[in-house]
């Protein structure tokens, strides 16, 4: 009498690894709210700059030096952003810089000019 081999047990898929936690999800709800406020503040501030200083924005963009053409307004916004958002929130991102780059410089960092000091962090 021959004994037949037992059928192979079906292979179960390996347990899936949990997805990595994003930096956003690691923030407390309070920190997330501060980040959202900072993003909105930056969008509004840059939109106001573009609206109220449109001729200066166009001229400075044409010269590929937005910072030189709008230095006073940009420096004032940077100082306010630093005091309002960076001091109370160590995880803060420079949303003002990102918005200046996106909206005024059309994602071309060279348009900000060689003297632009760059992100606050």
PDB file of N, CA and C in Angstrom:
ATOM      1  N   UNK A   1       0.825  -1.171   0.000  1.00  0.00           N
ATOM      2  CA  UNK A   1       0.000   0.000   0.000  1.00  0.00           C
ATOM      3  C   UNK A   1       0.881   1.250   0.000  1.00  0.00           C
ATOM      4  N   UNK A   2       0.622   2.130  -0.973  1.00  0.00           N
ATOM      5  CA  UNK A   2       1.346   3.403  -1.048  1.00  0.00           C
ATOM      6  C   UNK A   2       0.474   4.507  -0.460  1.00  0.00           C
ATOM      7  N   UNK A   3       1.152   5.329   0.187  1.00  0.00           N
ATOM      8  CA  UNK A   3       0.447   6.471   0.808  1.00  0.00           C
ATOM      9  C   UNK A   3       0.653   7.691  -0.098  1.00  0.00           C
ATOM     10  N   UNK A   4      -0.438   8.261  -0.474  1.00  0.00           N
ATOM     11  CA  UNK A   4      -0.367   9.446  -1.339  1.00  0.00           C
ATOM     12  C   UNK A   4       0.076  10.651  -0.513  1.00  0.00           C
ATOM     13  N   UNK A   5       0.916  11.508  -1.113  1.00  0.00           N
ATOM     14  CA  UNK A   5       1.340  12.708  -0.370  1.00  0.00           C
ATOM     15  C   UNK A   5       0.137  13.612  -0.123  1.00  0.00           C
ATOM     16  N   UNK A   6       0.222  14.300   0.964  1.00  0.00           N
ATOM     17  CA  UNK A   6      -0.841  15.253   1.300  1.00  0.00           C
ATOM     18  C   UNK A   6      -0.799  16.427   0.333  1.00  0.00           C
ATOM     19  N   UNK A   7      -1.937  16.951  -0.038  1.00  0.00           N
ATOM     20  CA  UNK A   7      -1.923  18.119  -0.925  1.00  0.00           C
ATOM     21  C   UNK A   7      -1.274  19.301  -0.211  1.00  0.00           C
ATOM     22  N   UNK A   8      -0.576  20.116  -0.996  1.00  0.00           N
ATOM     23  CA  UNK A   8       0.102  21.278  -0.423  1.00  0.00           C
ATOM     24  C   UNK A   8      -0.938  22.233   0.143  1.00  0.00           C
ATOM     25  N   UNK A   9      -0.599  22.785   1.271  1.00  0.00           N
ATOM     26  CA  UNK A   9      -1.485  23.768   1.893  1.00  0.00           C
ATOM     27  C   UNK A   9      -1.456  25.040   1.053  1.00  0.00           C
ATOM     28  N   UNK A  10      -2.592  25.663   0.874  1.00  0.00           N
ATOM     29  CA  UNK A  10      -2.589  26.898   0.078  1.00  0.00           C
ATOM     30  C   UNK A  10      -1.730  27.950   0.778  1.00  0.00           C
ATOM     31  N   UNK A  11      -0.970  28.692  -0.018  1.00  0.00           N
ATOM     32  CA  UNK A  11      -0.125  29.750   0.532  1.00  0.00           C
ATOM     33  C   UNK A  11      -0.990  30.964   0.825  1.00  0.00           C
ATOM     34  N   UNK A  12      -0.849  31.457   2.010  1.00  0.00           N
ATOM     35  CA  UNK A  12      -1.565  32.670   2.387  1.00  0.00           C
ATOM     36  C   UNK A  12      -0.682  33.860   2.052  1.00  0.00           C
ATOM     37  N   UNK A  13      -1.282  34.917   1.600  1.00  0.00           N
ATOM     38  CA  UNK A  13      -0.460  36.096   1.312  1.00  0.00           C
ATOM     39  C   UNK A  13       0.180  36.611   2.604  1.00  0.00           C
ATOM     40  N   UNK A  14       1.365  37.125   2.445  1.00  0.00           N
ATOM     41  CA  UNK A  14       2.050  37.700   3.607  1.00  0.00           C
ATOM     42  C   UNK A  14       1.236  38.888   4.096  1.00  0.00           C
ATOM     43  N   UNK A  15       1.207  39.066   5.402  1.00  0.00           N
ATOM     44  CA  UNK A  15       0.449  40.225   5.894  1.00  0.00           C
ATOM     45  C   UNK A  15       1.041  41.515   5.320  1.00  0.00           C
ATOM     46  N   UNK A  16       0.161  42.387   4.885  1.00  0.00           N
ATOM     47  CA  UNK A  16       0.605  43.659   4.310  1.00  0.00           C
ATOM     48  C   UNK A  16       1.195  44.530   5.402  1.00  0.00           C
ATOM     49  N   UNK A  17       2.275  45.202   5.034  1.00  0.00           N
ATOM     50  CA  UNK A  17       2.871  46.140   5.982  1.00  0.00           C
ATOM     51  C   UNK A  17       1.981  47.370   6.038  1.00  0.00           C
ATOM     52  N   UNK A  18       1.853  47.934   7.219  1.00  0.00           N
ATOM     53  CA  UNK A  18       1.031  49.147   7.288  1.00  0.00           C
ATOM     54  C   UNK A  18       1.694  50.252   6.469  1.00  0.00           C
ATOM     55  N   UNK A  19       0.892  51.087   5.845  1.00  0.00           N
ATOM     56  CA  UNK A  19       1.484  52.165   5.052  1.00  0.00           C
ATOM     57  C   UNK A  19       2.280  53.101   5.963  1.00  0.00           C
ATOM     58  N   UNK A  20       3.329  53.700   5.431  1.00  0.00           N
ATOM     59  CA  UNK A  20       4.109  54.613   6.264  1.00  0.00           C
ATOM     60  C   UNK A  20       3.256  55.816   6.670  1.00  0.00           C
ATOM     61  N   UNK A  21       3.510  56.315   7.832  1.00  0.00           N
ATOM     62  CA  UNK A  21       2.769  57.475   8.339  1.00  0.00           C
ATOM     63  C   UNK A  21       3.393  58.721   7.728  1.00  0.00           C
ATOM     64  N   UNK A  22       2.570  59.536   7.115  1.00  0.00           N
ATOM     65  CA  UNK A  22       3.075  60.756   6.489  1.00  0.00           C
ATOM     66  C   UNK A  22       3.432  61.782   7.570  1.00  0.00           C
ATOM     67  N   UNK A  23       4.337  62.699   7.226  1.00  0.00           N
ATOM     68  CA  UNK A  23       4.678  63.750   8.200  1.00  0.00           C
ATOM     69  C   UNK A  23       3.444  64.526   8.661  1.00  0.00           C
ATOM     70  N   UNK A  24       2.494  64.727   7.730  1.00  0.00           N
ATOM     71  CA  UNK A  24       1.260  65.442   8.093  1.00  0.00           C
ATOM     72  C   UNK A  24       0.504  64.706   9.190  1.00  0.00           C
ATOM     73  N   UNK A  25       0.400  63.379   9.056  1.00  0.00           N
ATOM     74  CA  UNK A  25      -0.348  62.589  10.029  1.00  0.00           C
ATOM     75  C   UNK A  25       0.358  62.516  11.380  1.00  0.00           C
ATOM     76  N   UNK A  26       1.636  62.809  11.392  1.00  0.00           N
ATOM     77  CA  UNK A  26       2.362  62.814  12.670  1.00  0.00           C
ATOM     78  C   UNK A  26       2.118  64.088  13.467  1.00  0.00           C
ATOM     79  N   UNK A  27       1.590  65.115  12.800  1.00  0.00           N
ATOM     80  CA  UNK A  27       1.330  66.383  13.486  1.00  0.00           C
ATOM     81  C   UNK A  27       0.072  66.275  14.335  1.00  0.00           C
ATOM     82  N   UNK A  28       0.068  66.997  15.425  1.00  0.00           N
ATOM     83  CA  UNK A  28      -1.143  67.055  16.240  1.00  0.00           C
ATOM     84  C   UNK A  28      -2.207  67.845  15.468  1.00  0.00           C
ATOM     85  N   UNK A  29      -3.429  67.697  15.883  1.00  0.00           N
ATOM     86  CA  UNK A  29      -4.522  68.435  15.239  1.00  0.00           C
ATOM     87  C   UNK A  29      -4.274  69.933  15.333  1.00  0.00           C
ATOM     88  N   UNK A  30      -3.766  70.386  16.458  1.00  0.00           N
ATOM     89  CA  UNK A  30      -3.485  71.815  16.640  1.00  0.00           C
ATOM     90  C   UNK A  30      -2.417  72.282  15.652  1.00  0.00           C
ATOM     91  N   UNK A  31      -1.357  71.488  15.485  1.00  0.00           N
ATOM     92  CA  UNK A  31      -0.312  71.867  14.534  1.00  0.00           C
ATOM     93  C   UNK A  31      -0.839  71.857  13.100  1.00  0.00           C
ATOM     94  N   UNK A  32      -1.689  70.900  12.780  1.00  0.00           N
ATOM     95  CA  UNK A  32      -2.278  70.865  11.443  1.00  0.00           C
ATOM     96  C   UNK A  32      -3.084  72.137  11.181  1.00  0.00           C
ATOM     97  N   UNK A  33      -3.818  72.588  12.180  1.00  0.00           N
ATOM     98  CA  UNK A  33      -4.610  73.809  12.033  1.00  0.00           C
ATOM     99  C   UNK A  33      -3.705  75.024  11.802  1.00  0.00           C
ATOM    100  N   UNK A  34      -2.593  75.080  12.505  1.00  0.00           N
ATOM    101  CA  UNK A  34      -1.650  76.197  12.318  1.00  0.00           C
ATOM    102  C   UNK A  34      -1.084  76.162  10.904  1.00  0.00           C
ATOM    103  N   UNK A  35      -0.742  74.970  10.418  1.00  0.00           N
ATOM    104  CA  UNK A  35      -0.230  74.842   9.052  1.00  0.00           C
ATOM    105  C   UNK A  35      -1.275  75.302   8.033  1.00  0.00           C
ATOM    106  N   UNK A  36      -2.510  74.914   8.232  1.00  0.00           N
ATOM    107  CA  UNK A  36      -3.567  75.325   7.305  1.00  0.00           C
ATOM    108  C   UNK A  36      -3.765  76.839   7.320  1.00  0.00           C
ATOM    109  N   UNK A  37      -3.715  77.437   8.502  1.00  0.00           N
ATOM    110  CA  UNK A  37      -3.814  78.901   8.610  1.00  0.00           C
ATOM    111  C   UNK A  37      -2.639  79.571   7.912  1.00  0.00           C
ATOM    112  N   UNK A  38      -1.445  79.014   8.080  1.00  0.00           N
ATOM    113  CA  UNK A  38      -0.243  79.584   7.467  1.00  0.00           C
ATOM    114  C   UNK A  38      -0.326  79.510   5.942  1.00  0.00           C
ATOM    115  N   UNK A  39      -0.821  78.396   5.421  1.00  0.00           N
ATOM    116  CA  UNK A  39      -0.979  78.263   3.969  1.00  0.00           C
ATOM    117  C   UNK A  39      -1.955  79.305   3.434  1.00  0.00           C
ATOM    118  N   UNK A  40      -3.071  79.439   4.127  1.00  0.00           N
ATOM    119  CA  UNK A  40      -4.076  80.412   3.683  1.00  0.00           C
ATOM    120  C   UNK A  40      -3.524  81.826   3.775  1.00  0.00           C
ATOM    121  N   UNK A  41      -2.840  82.142   4.871  1.00  0.00           N
ATOM    122  CA  UNK A  41      -2.260  83.465   5.051  1.00  0.00           C
ATOM    123  C   UNK A  41      -1.310  83.778   3.894  1.00  0.00           C
ATOM    124  N   UNK A  42      -0.445  82.831   3.548  1.00  0.00           N
ATOM    125  CA  UNK A  42       0.526  83.038   2.470  1.00  0.00           C
ATOM    126  C   UNK A  42      -0.176  83.255   1.132  1.00  0.00           C
ATOM    127  N   UNK A  43      -1.209  82.444   0.845  1.00  0.00           N
ATOM    128  CA  UNK A  43      -1.937  82.607  -0.421  1.00  0.00           C
ATOM    129  C   UNK A  43      -2.576  83.988  -0.506  1.00  0.00           C
ATOM    130  N   UNK A  44      -3.206  84.413   0.579  1.00  0.00           N
ATOM    131  CA  UNK A  44      -3.878  85.713   0.587  1.00  0.00           C
ATOM    132  C   UNK A  44      -2.865  86.839   0.463  1.00  0.00           C
ATOM    133  N   UNK A  45      -1.774  86.751   1.215  1.00  0.00           N
ATOM    134  CA  UNK A  45      -0.766  87.823   1.197  1.00  0.00           C
ATOM    135  C   UNK A  45      -0.165  87.981  -0.205  1.00  0.00           C
ATOM    136  N   UNK A  46       0.165  86.886  -0.850  1.00  0.00           N
ATOM    137  CA  UNK A  46       0.753  86.961  -2.188  1.00  0.00           C
ATOM    138  C   UNK A  46      -0.291  87.422  -3.204  1.00  0.00           C
ATOM    139  N   UNK A  47      -1.532  86.994  -3.048  1.00  0.00           N
ATOM    140  CA  UNK A  47      -2.600  87.450  -3.948  1.00  0.00           C
ATOM    141  C   UNK A  47      -2.801  88.956  -3.813  1.00  0.00           C
ATOM    142  N   UNK A  48      -2.758  89.468  -2.591  1.00  0.00           N
ATOM    143  CA  UNK A  48      -2.878  90.913  -2.377  1.00  0.00           C
ATOM    144  C   UNK A  48      -1.711  91.652  -3.017  1.00  0.00           C
ATOM    145  N   UNK A  49      -0.531  91.098  -2.877  1.00  0.00           N
ATOM    146  CA  UNK A  49       0.651  91.703  -3.477  1.00  0.00           C
ATOM    147  C   UNK A  49       0.495  91.747  -4.997  1.00  0.00           C
ATOM    148  N   UNK A  50       0.063  90.642  -5.573  1.00  0.00           N
ATOM    149  CA  UNK A  50      -0.125  90.578  -7.022  1.00  0.00           C
ATOM    150  C   UNK A  50      -1.210  91.546  -7.476  1.00  0.00           C
ATOM    151  N   UNK A  51      -2.266  91.704  -6.687  1.00  0.00           N
ATOM    152  CA  UNK A  51      -3.375  92.586  -7.053  1.00  0.00           C
ATOM    153  C   UNK A  51      -3.003  94.060  -6.910  1.00  0.00           C
ATOM    154  N   UNK A  52      -2.439  94.425  -5.752  1.00  0.00           N
ATOM    155  CA  UNK A  52      -2.181  95.837  -5.457  1.00  0.00           C
ATOM    156  C   UNK A  52      -0.867  96.350  -6.045  1.00  0.00           C
ATOM    157  N   UNK A  53       0.014  95.460  -6.407  1.00  0.00           N
ATOM    158  CA  UNK A  53       1.307  95.859  -6.968  1.00  0.00           C
ATOM    159  C   UNK A  53       1.505  95.232  -8.352  1.00  0.00           C
ATOM    160  N   UNK A  54       0.434  95.112  -9.113  1.00  0.00           N
ATOM    161  CA  UNK A  54       0.517  94.367 -10.371  1.00  0.00           C
ATOM    162  C   UNK A  54       1.549  94.947 -11.334  1.00  0.00           C
ATOM    163  N   UNK A  55       1.635  96.262 -11.437  1.00  0.00           N
ATOM    164  CA  UNK A  55       2.621  96.864 -12.348  1.00  0.00           C
ATOM    165  C   UNK A  55       4.041  96.552 -11.879  1.00  0.00           C
ATOM    166  N   UNK A  56       4.282  96.648 -10.585  1.00  0.00           N
ATOM    167  CA  UNK A  56       5.609  96.343 -10.046  1.00  0.00           C
ATOM    168  C   UNK A  56       5.950  94.866 -10.224  1.00  0.00           C
ATOM    169  N   UNK A  57       4.946  93.999 -10.041  1.00  0.00           N
ATOM    170  CA  UNK A  57       5.165  92.560 -10.232  1.00  0.00           C
ATOM    171  C   UNK A  57       5.544  92.288 -11.680  1.00  0.00           C
ATOM    172  N   UNK A  58       4.805  92.855 -12.620  1.00  0.00           N
ATOM    173  CA  UNK A  58       5.090  92.633 -14.044  1.00  0.00           C
ATOM    174  C   UNK A  58       6.468  93.161 -14.422  1.00  0.00           C
ATOM    175  N   UNK A  59       6.801  94.348 -13.953  1.00  0.00           N
ATOM    176  CA  UNK A  59       8.110  94.938 -14.276  1.00  0.00           C
ATOM    177  C   UNK A  59       9.243  94.103 -13.684  1.00  0.00           C
ATOM    178  N   UNK A  60       9.091  93.695 -12.426  1.00  0.00           N
ATOM    179  CA  UNK A  60      10.139  92.907 -11.763  1.00  0.00           C
ATOM    180  C   UNK A  60      10.266  91.523 -12.396  1.00  0.00           C
ATOM    181  N   UNK A  61       9.141  90.931 -12.772  1.00  0.00           N
ATOM    182  CA  UNK A  61       9.191  89.622 -13.439  1.00  0.00           C
ATOM    183  C   UNK A  61       9.905  89.761 -14.788  1.00  0.00           C
ATOM    184  N   UNK A  62       9.644  90.841 -15.496  1.00  0.00           N
ATOM    185  CA  UNK A  62      10.308  91.087 -16.771  1.00  0.00           C
ATOM    186  C   UNK A  62      11.814  91.242 -16.619  1.00  0.00           C
ATOM    187  N   UNK A  63      12.232  91.800 -15.495  1.00  0.00           N
ATOM    188  CA  UNK A  63      13.673  91.959 -15.220  1.00  0.00           C
ATOM    189  C   UNK A  63      14.272  90.730 -14.557  1.00  0.00           C
ATOM    190  N   UNK A  64      13.419  89.713 -14.328  1.00  0.00           N
ATOM    191  CA  UNK A  64      13.831  88.465 -13.670  1.00  0.00           C
ATOM    192  C   UNK A  64      14.411  88.738 -12.276  1.00  0.00           C
ATOM    193  N   UNK A  65      13.764  89.669 -11.565  1.00  0.00           N
ATOM    194  CA  UNK A  65      14.230  89.998 -10.224  1.00  0.00           C
ATOM    195  C   UNK A  65      13.062  90.507  -9.381  1.00  0.00           C
ATOM    196  N   UNK A  66      12.151  89.601  -9.064  1.00  0.00           N
ATOM    197  CA  UNK A  66      10.976  89.974  -8.275  1.00  0.00           C
ATOM    198  C   UNK A  66      11.364  90.531  -6.911  1.00  0.00           C
ATOM    199  N   UNK A  67      12.394  89.966  -6.311  1.00  0.00           N
ATOM    200  CA  UNK A  67      12.774  90.414  -4.975  1.00  0.00           C
ATOM    201  C   UNK A  67      13.220  91.876  -4.983  1.00  0.00           C
ATOM    202  N   UNK A  68      14.043  92.251  -5.956  1.00  0.00           N
ATOM    203  CA  UNK A  68      14.507  93.642  -6.011  1.00  0.00           C
ATOM    204  C   UNK A  68      13.339  94.596  -6.227  1.00  0.00           C
ATOM    205  N   UNK A  69      12.385  94.205  -7.053  1.00  0.00           N
ATOM    206  CA  UNK A  69      11.256  95.081  -7.342  1.00  0.00           C
ATOM    207  C   UNK A  69      10.229  95.169  -6.233  1.00  0.00           C
ATOM    208  N   UNK A  70      10.199  94.160  -5.366  1.00  0.00           N
ATOM    209  CA  UNK A  70       9.182  94.108  -4.308  1.00  0.00           C
ATOM    210  C   UNK A  70       9.810  93.842  -2.937  1.00  0.00           C
ATOM    211  N   UNK A  71      11.040  94.237  -2.765  1.00  0.00           N
ATOM    212  CA  UNK A  71      11.783  93.870  -1.560  1.00  0.00           C
ATOM    213  C   UNK A  71      11.092  94.302  -0.273  1.00  0.00           C
ATOM    214  N   UNK A  72      10.617  95.513  -0.217  1.00  0.00           N
ATOM    215  CA  UNK A  72       9.977  95.998   1.014  1.00  0.00           C
ATOM    216  C   UNK A  72       8.749  95.143   1.361  1.00  0.00           C
ATOM    217  N   UNK A  73       7.917  94.878   0.387  1.00  0.00           N
ATOM    218  CA  UNK A  73       6.705  94.101   0.635  1.00  0.00           C
ATOM    219  C   UNK A  73       7.043  92.648   0.983  1.00  0.00           C
ATOM    220  N   UNK A  74       8.007  92.074   0.289  1.00  0.00           N
ATOM    221  CA  UNK A  74       8.385  90.679   0.562  1.00  0.00           C
ATOM    222  C   UNK A  74       9.026  90.566   1.934  1.00  0.00           C
ATOM    223  N   UNK A  75       9.923  91.468   2.265  1.00  0.00           N
ATOM    224  CA  UNK A  75      10.577  91.417   3.582  1.00  0.00           C
ATOM    225  C   UNK A  75       9.572  91.604   4.716  1.00  0.00           C
ATOM    226  N   UNK A  76       8.620  92.496   4.512  1.00  0.00           N
ATOM    227  CA  UNK A  76       7.583  92.712   5.523  1.00  0.00           C
ATOM    228  C   UNK A  76       6.749  91.442   5.719  1.00  0.00           C
ATOM    229  N   UNK A  77       6.371  90.812   4.621  1.00  0.00           N
ATOM    230  CA  UNK A  77       5.586  89.573   4.700  1.00  0.00           C
ATOM    231  C   UNK A  77       6.395  88.462   5.358  1.00  0.00           C
ATOM    232  N   UNK A  78       7.676  88.356   5.012  1.00  0.00           N
ATOM    233  CA  UNK A  78       8.541  87.328   5.605  1.00  0.00           C
ATOM    234  C   UNK A  78       8.648  87.522   7.121  1.00  0.00           C
ATOM    235  N   UNK A  79       8.806  88.751   7.557  1.00  0.00           N
ATOM    236  CA  UNK A  79       8.913  89.019   8.994  1.00  0.00           C
ATOM    237  C   UNK A  79       7.608  88.660   9.707  1.00  0.00           C
ATOM    238  N   UNK A  80       6.499  89.043   9.135  1.00  0.00           N
ATOM    239  CA  UNK A  80       5.204  88.732   9.744  1.00  0.00           C
ATOM    240  C   UNK A  80       4.969  87.221   9.779  1.00  0.00           C
ATOM    241  N   UNK A  81       5.315  86.539   8.702  1.00  0.00           N
ATOM    242  CA  UNK A  81       5.147  85.086   8.657  1.00  0.00           C
ATOM    243  C   UNK A  81       6.020  84.420   9.718  1.00  0.00           C
ATOM    244  N   UNK A  82       7.253  84.875   9.820  1.00  0.00           N
ATOM    245  CA  UNK A  82       8.183  84.308  10.815  1.00  0.00           C
ATOM    246  C   UNK A  82       7.612  84.449  12.232  1.00  0.00           C
ATOM    247  N   UNK A  83       7.144  85.634  12.546  1.00  0.00           N
ATOM    248  CA  UNK A  83       6.655  85.892  13.903  1.00  0.00           C
ATOM    249  C   UNK A  83       5.327  85.191  14.188  1.00  0.00           C
ATOM    250  N   UNK A  84       4.465  85.146  13.208  1.00  0.00           N
ATOM    251  CA  UNK A  84       3.134  84.589  13.412  1.00  0.00           C
ATOM    252  C   UNK A  84       3.117  83.069  13.391  1.00  0.00           C
ATOM    253  N   UNK A  85       3.923  82.473  12.533  1.00  0.00           N
ATOM    254  CA  UNK A  85       3.812  81.028  12.336  1.00  0.00           C
ATOM    255  C   UNK A  85       5.029  80.211  12.750  1.00  0.00           C
ATOM    256  N   UNK A  86       6.224  80.715  12.544  1.00  0.00           N
ATOM    257  CA  UNK A  86       7.399  79.910  12.898  1.00  0.00           C
ATOM    258  C   UNK A  86       7.620  79.834  14.404  1.00  0.00           C
ATOM    259  N   UNK A  87       7.391  80.930  15.087  1.00  0.00           N
ATOM    260  CA  UNK A  87       7.630  80.928  16.540  1.00  0.00           C
ATOM    261  C   UNK A  87       6.750  79.925  17.285  1.00  0.00           C
ATOM    262  N   UNK A  88       5.433  79.879  17.019  1.00  0.00           N
ATOM    263  CA  UNK A  88       4.602  78.940  17.789  1.00  0.00           C
ATOM    264  C   UNK A  88       4.592  77.505  17.268  1.00  0.00           C
ATOM    265  N   UNK A  89       5.213  77.250  16.111  1.00  0.00           N
ATOM    266  CA  UNK A  89       5.089  75.921  15.509  1.00  0.00           C
ATOM    267  C   UNK A  89       6.434  75.470  14.935  1.00  0.00           C
ATOM    268  N   UNK A  90       7.160  74.635  15.675  1.00  0.00           N
ATOM    269  CA  UNK A  90       8.490  74.214  15.208  1.00  0.00           C
ATOM    270  C   UNK A  90       8.466  73.382  13.923  1.00  0.00           C
ATOM    271  N   UNK A  91       7.350  72.813  13.567  1.00  0.00           N
ATOM    272  CA  UNK A  91       7.272  71.999  12.349  1.00  0.00           C
ATOM    273  C   UNK A  91       6.871  72.823  11.118  1.00  0.00           C
ATOM    274  N   UNK A  92       6.826  74.140  11.263  1.00  0.00           N
ATOM    275  CA  UNK A  92       6.314  75.006  10.200  1.00  0.00           C
ATOM    276  C   UNK A  92       7.152  74.910   8.925  1.00  0.00           C
ATOM    277  N   UNK A  93       6.468  75.016   7.808  1.00  0.00           N
ATOM    278  CA  UNK A  93       7.057  75.044   6.476  1.00  0.00           C
ATOM    279  C   UNK A  93       6.940  76.482   5.978  1.00  0.00           C
ATOM    280  N   UNK A  94       7.880  76.924   5.165  1.00  0.00           N
ATOM    281  CA  UNK A  94       7.820  78.285   4.647  1.00  0.00           C
ATOM    282  C   UNK A  94       6.824  78.357   3.488  1.00  0.00           C
ATOM    283  N   UNK A  95       5.556  78.417   3.849  1.00  0.00           N
ATOM    284  CA  UNK A  95       4.497  78.486   2.843  1.00  0.00           C
ATOM    285  C   UNK A  95       4.540  79.804   2.077  1.00  0.00           C
ATOM    286  N   UNK A  96       5.055  80.860   2.700  1.00  0.00           N
ATOM    287  CA  UNK A  96       5.161  82.138   2.000  1.00  0.00           C
ATOM    288  C   UNK A  96       6.139  82.005   0.837  1.00  0.00           C
ATOM    289  N   UNK A  97       7.283  81.414   1.082  1.00  0.00           N
ATOM    290  CA  UNK A  97       8.255  81.204   0.012  1.00  0.00           C
ATOM    291  C   UNK A  97       7.640  80.363  -1.114  1.00  0.00           C
ATOM    292  N   UNK A  98       6.976  79.279  -0.735  1.00  0.00           N
ATOM    293  CA  UNK A  98       6.363  78.406  -1.741  1.00  0.00           C
ATOM    294  C   UNK A  98       5.329  79.155  -2.574  1.00  0.00           C
ATOM    295  N   UNK A  99       4.579  80.031  -1.928  1.00  0.00           N
ATOM    296  CA  UNK A  99       3.549  80.786  -2.651  1.00  0.00           C
ATOM    297  C   UNK A  99       4.178  81.866  -3.534  1.00  0.00           C
ATOM    298  N   UNK A 100       5.224  82.527  -3.052  1.00  0.00           N
ATOM    299  CA  UNK A 100       5.933  83.499  -3.892  1.00  0.00           C
ATOM    300  C   UNK A 100       6.480  82.813  -5.137  1.00  0.00           C
ATOM    301  N   UNK A 101       7.058  81.661  -4.931  1.00  0.00           N
ATOM    302  CA  UNK A 101       7.628  80.904  -6.039  1.00  0.00           C
ATOM    303  C   UNK A 101       6.536  80.455  -7.015  1.00  0.00           C
ATOM    304  N   UNK A 102       5.448  79.918  -6.480  1.00  0.00           N
ATOM    305  CA  UNK A 102       4.380  79.385  -7.329  1.00  0.00           C
ATOM    306  C   UNK A 102       3.624  80.483  -8.060  1.00  0.00           C
ATOM    307  N   UNK A 103       3.196  81.496  -7.322  1.00  0.00           N
ATOM    308  CA  UNK A 103       2.291  82.498  -7.880  1.00  0.00           C
ATOM    309  C   UNK A 103       3.018  83.625  -8.613  1.00  0.00           C
ATOM    310  N   UNK A 104       4.028  84.208  -7.971  1.00  0.00           N
ATOM    311  CA  UNK A 104       4.696  85.344  -8.610  1.00  0.00           C
ATOM    312  C   UNK A 104       5.751  84.903  -9.618  1.00  0.00           C
ATOM    313  N   UNK A 105       6.504  83.854  -9.288  1.00  0.00           N
ATOM    314  CA  UNK A 105       7.612  83.431 -10.147  1.00  0.00           C
ATOM    315  C   UNK A 105       7.227  82.288 -11.079  1.00  0.00           C
ATOM    316  N   UNK A 106       5.988  81.870 -11.080  1.00  0.00           N
ATOM    317  CA  UNK A 106       5.520  80.785 -11.958  1.00  0.00           C
ATOM    318  C   UNK A 106       6.441  79.563 -11.871  1.00  0.00           C
ATOM    319  N   UNK A 107       6.807  79.209 -10.644  1.00  0.00           N
ATOM    320  CA  UNK A 107       7.656  78.038 -10.367  1.00  0.00           C
ATOM    321  C   UNK A 107       9.054  78.135 -10.987  1.00  0.00           C
ATOM    322  N   UNK A 108       9.507  79.334 -11.259  1.00  0.00           N
ATOM    323  CA  UNK A 108      10.853  79.552 -11.795  1.00  0.00           C
ATOM    324  C   UNK A 108      11.636  80.354 -10.760  1.00  0.00           C
ATOM    325  N   UNK A 109      12.436  79.671  -9.954  1.00  0.00           N
ATOM    326  CA  UNK A 109      13.142  80.337  -8.851  1.00  0.00           C
ATOM    327  C   UNK A 109      14.085  81.428  -9.336  1.00  0.00           C
ATOM    328  N   UNK A 110      14.545  81.345 -10.578  1.00  0.00           N
ATOM    329  CA  UNK A 110      15.427  82.392 -11.114  1.00  0.00           C
ATOM    330  C   UNK A 110      14.715  83.737 -11.195  1.00  0.00           C
ATOM    331  N   UNK A 111      13.391  83.732 -11.344  1.00  0.00           N
ATOM    332  CA  UNK A 111      12.638  84.992 -11.419  1.00  0.00           C
ATOM    333  C   UNK A 111      12.643  85.749 -10.095  1.00  0.00           C
ATOM    334  N   UNK A 112      12.907  85.052  -9.003  1.00  0.00           N
ATOM    335  CA  UNK A 112      12.962  85.740  -7.709  1.00  0.00           C
ATOM    336  C   UNK A 112      14.202  86.626  -7.604  1.00  0.00           C
ATOM    337  N   UNK A 113      15.213  86.342  -8.369  1.00  0.00           N
ATOM    338  CA  UNK A 113      16.415  87.179  -8.395  1.00  0.00           C
ATOM    339  C   UNK A 113      17.541  86.606  -7.555  1.00  0.00           C
ATOM    340  N   UNK A 114      18.747  87.036  -7.864  1.00  0.00           N
ATOM    341  CA  UNK A 114      19.931  86.500  -7.171  1.00  0.00           C
ATOM    342  C   UNK A 114      20.026  86.956  -5.726  1.00  0.00           C
ATOM    343  N   UNK A 115      19.403  88.066  -5.367  1.00  0.00           N
ATOM    344  CA  UNK A 115      19.480  88.570  -4.001  1.00  0.00           C
ATOM    345  C   UNK A 115      18.376  88.057  -3.093  1.00  0.00           C
ATOM    346  N   UNK A 116      17.441  87.315  -3.655  1.00  0.00           N
ATOM    347  CA  UNK A 116      16.362  86.758  -2.835  1.00  0.00           C
ATOM    348  C   UNK A 116      16.960  85.832  -1.783  1.00  0.00           C
ATOM    349  N   UNK A 117      16.619  86.053  -0.511  1.00  0.00           N
ATOM    350  CA  UNK A 117      17.263  85.272   0.561  1.00  0.00           C
ATOM    351  C   UNK A 117      16.846  83.814   0.663  1.00  0.00           C
ATOM    352  N   UNK A 118      15.846  83.400  -0.076  1.00  0.00           N
ATOM    353  CA  UNK A 118      15.438  81.996  -0.028  1.00  0.00           C
ATOM    354  C   UNK A 118      14.451  81.714   1.086  1.00  0.00           C
ATOM    355  N   UNK A 119      14.115  80.436   1.279  1.00  0.00           N
ATOM    356  CA  UNK A 119      13.138  80.066   2.315  1.00  0.00           C
ATOM    357  C   UNK A 119      13.635  80.449   3.710  1.00  0.00           C
ATOM    358  N   UNK A 120      12.687  80.642   4.596  1.00  0.00           N
ATOM    359  CA  UNK A 120      13.021  81.003   5.984  1.00  0.00           C
ATOM    360  C   UNK A 120      13.664  79.853   6.749  1.00  0.00           C
ATOM    361  N   UNK A 121      13.470  78.637   6.301  1.00  0.00           N
ATOM    362  CA  UNK A 121      14.084  77.486   6.980  1.00  0.00           C
ATOM    363  C   UNK A 121      15.061  76.801   6.066  1.00  0.00           C
TER     364      UNK A 121
END
